[in-house]
Amino acid sequence: MAQKKVEPQNPQFNINVNPENARILFTDTIFMNTNEDGVVLDIAQKVGRTNQMQIVSRIGMSREHAKKFIKKLSELLALTEGQKQTGNKN
């Protein structure tokens, strides 16, 4: 009987972020467009006290990747529900 190689569920990655080039952009609106090939998210911010929005980032992904993203984001939100920003539970 042949052995099956099992990949780890959560592989560890080393991620390097240059804060000068990878600043955090706040969003209060996301416009979503989809077709049979994929999904595009237009990440926007409201401009001051106006009714105007400014797109600060655009993200495109395959439909399959979008499904994985939704699943992982849902799991993360459920896991951290009730926690403060510091990670301590209320």
C-alpha atoms as a PDB file:
ATOM      1  CA  MET A   1       0.000   0.000   0.000  1.00  0.00           C
ATOM      2  CA  ALA A   2       1.436   3.397  -1.046  1.00  0.00           C
ATOM      3  CA  GLN A   3       1.853   6.147   1.495  1.00  0.00           C
ATOM      4  CA  LYS A   4       0.033   9.420   0.933  1.00  0.00           C
ATOM      5  CA  LYS A   5       1.882  12.651   1.642  1.00  0.00           C
ATOM      6  CA  VAL A   6      -0.207  14.914   3.858  1.00  0.00           C
ATOM      7  CA  GLU A   7       0.373  18.651   3.582  1.00  0.00           C
ATOM      8  CA  PRO A   8       0.050  20.717   6.781  1.00  0.00           C
ATOM      9  CA  GLN A   9      -3.285  22.508   7.261  1.00  0.00           C
ATOM     10  CA  ASN A  10      -1.677  25.846   8.115  1.00  0.00           C
ATOM     11  CA  PRO A  11       1.754  26.120   6.513  1.00  0.00           C
ATOM     12  CA  GLN A  12       3.985  28.734   8.108  1.00  0.00           C
ATOM     13  CA  PHE A  13       5.142  31.664   6.003  1.00  0.00           C
ATOM     14  CA  ASN A  14       7.725  34.358   6.613  1.00  0.00           C
ATOM     15  CA  ILE A  15       6.115  37.613   5.533  1.00  0.00           C
ATOM     16  CA  ASN A  16       8.114  40.804   5.165  1.00  0.00           C
ATOM     17  CA  VAL A  17       6.270  44.116   5.079  1.00  0.00           C
ATOM     18  CA  ASN A  18       7.888  47.451   4.328  1.00  0.00           C
ATOM     19  CA  PRO A  19       5.671  49.960   6.187  1.00  0.00           C
ATOM     20  CA  GLU A  20       6.741  52.728   3.807  1.00  0.00           C
ATOM     21  CA  ASN A  21       5.335  50.860   0.805  1.00  0.00           C
ATOM     22  CA  ALA A  22       2.549  48.856   2.448  1.00  0.00           C
ATOM     23  CA  ARG A  23       0.560  51.360   4.445  1.00  0.00           C
ATOM     24  CA  ILE A  24      -2.822  50.391   5.836  1.00  0.00           C
ATOM     25  CA  LEU A  25      -5.694  51.934   3.912  1.00  0.00           C
ATOM     26  CA  PHE A  26      -8.970  52.419   5.765  1.00  0.00           C
ATOM     27  CA  THR A  27     -12.191  51.578   3.966  1.00  0.00           C
ATOM     28  CA  ASP A  28     -15.769  52.383   4.757  1.00  0.00           C
ATOM     29  CA  THR A  29     -17.143  51.129   1.441  1.00  0.00           C
ATOM     30  CA  ILE A  30     -16.384  48.207  -0.862  1.00  0.00           C
ATOM     31  CA  PHE A  31     -17.828  47.936  -4.364  1.00  0.00           C
ATOM     32  CA  MET A  32     -17.910  44.346  -5.639  1.00  0.00           C
ATOM     33  CA  ASN A  33     -18.155  43.204  -9.247  1.00  0.00           C
ATOM     34  CA  THR A  34     -18.128  39.623 -10.449  1.00  0.00           C
ATOM     35  CA  ASN A  35     -18.432  37.579 -13.606  1.00  0.00           C
ATOM     36  CA  GLU A  36     -17.804  33.956 -14.564  1.00  0.00           C
ATOM     37  CA  ASP A  37     -14.016  34.520 -14.451  1.00  0.00           C
ATOM     38  CA  GLY A  38     -13.519  36.320 -11.159  1.00  0.00           C
ATOM     39  CA  VAL A  39     -14.195  39.079  -8.678  1.00  0.00           C
ATOM     40  CA  VAL A  40     -12.990  42.683  -8.467  1.00  0.00           C
ATOM     41  CA  LEU A  41     -13.168  44.616  -5.201  1.00  0.00           C
ATOM     42  CA  ASP A  42     -12.936  48.405  -5.374  1.00  0.00           C
ATOM     43  CA  ILE A  43     -11.924  49.541  -1.895  1.00  0.00           C
ATOM     44  CA  ALA A  44     -13.122  53.085  -1.202  1.00  0.00           C
ATOM     45  CA  GLN A  45     -13.111  55.838   1.410  1.00  0.00           C
ATOM     46  CA  LYS A  46     -15.697  58.546   1.862  1.00  0.00           C
ATOM     47  CA  VAL A  47     -14.201  61.972   1.130  1.00  0.00           C
ATOM     48  CA  GLY A  48     -14.771  64.201   4.156  1.00  0.00           C
ATOM     49  CA  ARG A  49     -18.355  65.262   4.757  1.00  0.00           C
ATOM     50  CA  THR A  50     -19.294  64.877   1.096  1.00  0.00           C
ATOM     51  CA  ASN A  51     -21.146  62.121  -0.741  1.00  0.00           C
ATOM     52  CA  GLN A  52     -18.037  61.382  -2.830  1.00  0.00           C
ATOM     53  CA  MET A  53     -15.994  58.190  -2.620  1.00  0.00           C
ATOM     54  CA  GLN A  54     -12.352  57.739  -3.551  1.00  0.00           C
ATOM     55  CA  ILE A  55     -11.056  54.327  -4.621  1.00  0.00           C
ATOM     56  CA  VAL A  56      -7.899  53.641  -2.578  1.00  0.00           C
ATOM     57  CA  SER A  57      -7.217  50.130  -3.855  1.00  0.00           C
ATOM     58  CA  ARG A  58      -8.496  47.581  -6.363  1.00  0.00           C
ATOM     59  CA  ILE A  59      -8.177  43.848  -5.757  1.00  0.00           C
ATOM     60  CA  GLY A  60      -8.958  41.168  -8.304  1.00  0.00           C
ATOM     61  CA  MET A  61      -9.098  37.424  -7.739  1.00  0.00           C
ATOM     62  CA  SER A  62     -10.518  34.236  -9.185  1.00  0.00           C
ATOM     63  CA  ARG A  63     -13.918  33.018  -8.054  1.00  0.00           C
ATOM     64  CA  GLU A  64     -12.255  30.070  -6.309  1.00  0.00           C
ATOM     65  CA  HIS A  65      -9.869  32.361  -4.439  1.00  0.00           C
ATOM     66  CA  ALA A  66     -12.799  34.622  -3.447  1.00  0.00           C
ATOM     67  CA  LYS A  67     -14.609  31.614  -1.952  1.00  0.00           C
ATOM     68  CA  LYS A  68     -11.505  30.684   0.069  1.00  0.00           C
ATOM     69  CA  PHE A  69     -11.115  34.321   1.167  1.00  0.00           C
ATOM     70  CA  ILE A  70     -14.719  34.478   2.407  1.00  0.00           C
ATOM     71  CA  LYS A  71     -14.325  31.196   4.295  1.00  0.00           C
ATOM     72  CA  LYS A  72     -11.087  32.226   6.016  1.00  0.00           C
ATOM     73  CA  LEU A  73     -12.348  35.730   6.847  1.00  0.00           C
ATOM     74  CA  SER A  74     -15.525  34.272   8.362  1.00  0.00           C
ATOM     75  CA  GLU A  75     -13.460  31.856  10.467  1.00  0.00           C
ATOM     76  CA  LEU A  76     -11.165  34.656  11.655  1.00  0.00           C
ATOM     77  CA  LEU A  77     -14.070  36.938  12.590  1.00  0.00           C
ATOM     78  CA  ALA A  78     -15.835  34.134  14.472  1.00  0.00           C
ATOM     79  CA  LEU A  79     -12.606  33.199  16.273  1.00  0.00           C
ATOM     80  CA  THR A  80     -11.894  36.769  17.374  1.00  0.00           C
ATOM     81  CA  GLU A  81     -15.488  37.802  18.170  1.00  0.00           C
ATOM     82  CA  GLY A  82     -15.551  39.621  21.496  1.00  0.00           C
ATOM     83  CA  GLN A  83     -11.829  40.298  21.616  1.00  0.00           C
ATOM     84  CA  LYS A  84     -10.330  43.754  21.960  1.00  0.00           C
ATOM     85  CA  GLN A  85      -7.797  45.065  19.472  1.00  0.00           C
ATOM     86  CA  THR A  86      -4.995  43.939  21.788  1.00  0.00           C
ATOM     87  CA  GLY A  87      -6.193  40.360  21.524  1.00  0.00           C
ATOM     88  CA  ASN A  88      -7.470  40.153  25.091  1.00  0.00           C
ATOM     89  CA  LYS A  89     -10.968  38.796  25.591  1.00  0.00           C
ATOM     90  CA  ASN A  90     -13.607  41.114  27.073  1.00  0.00           C
END
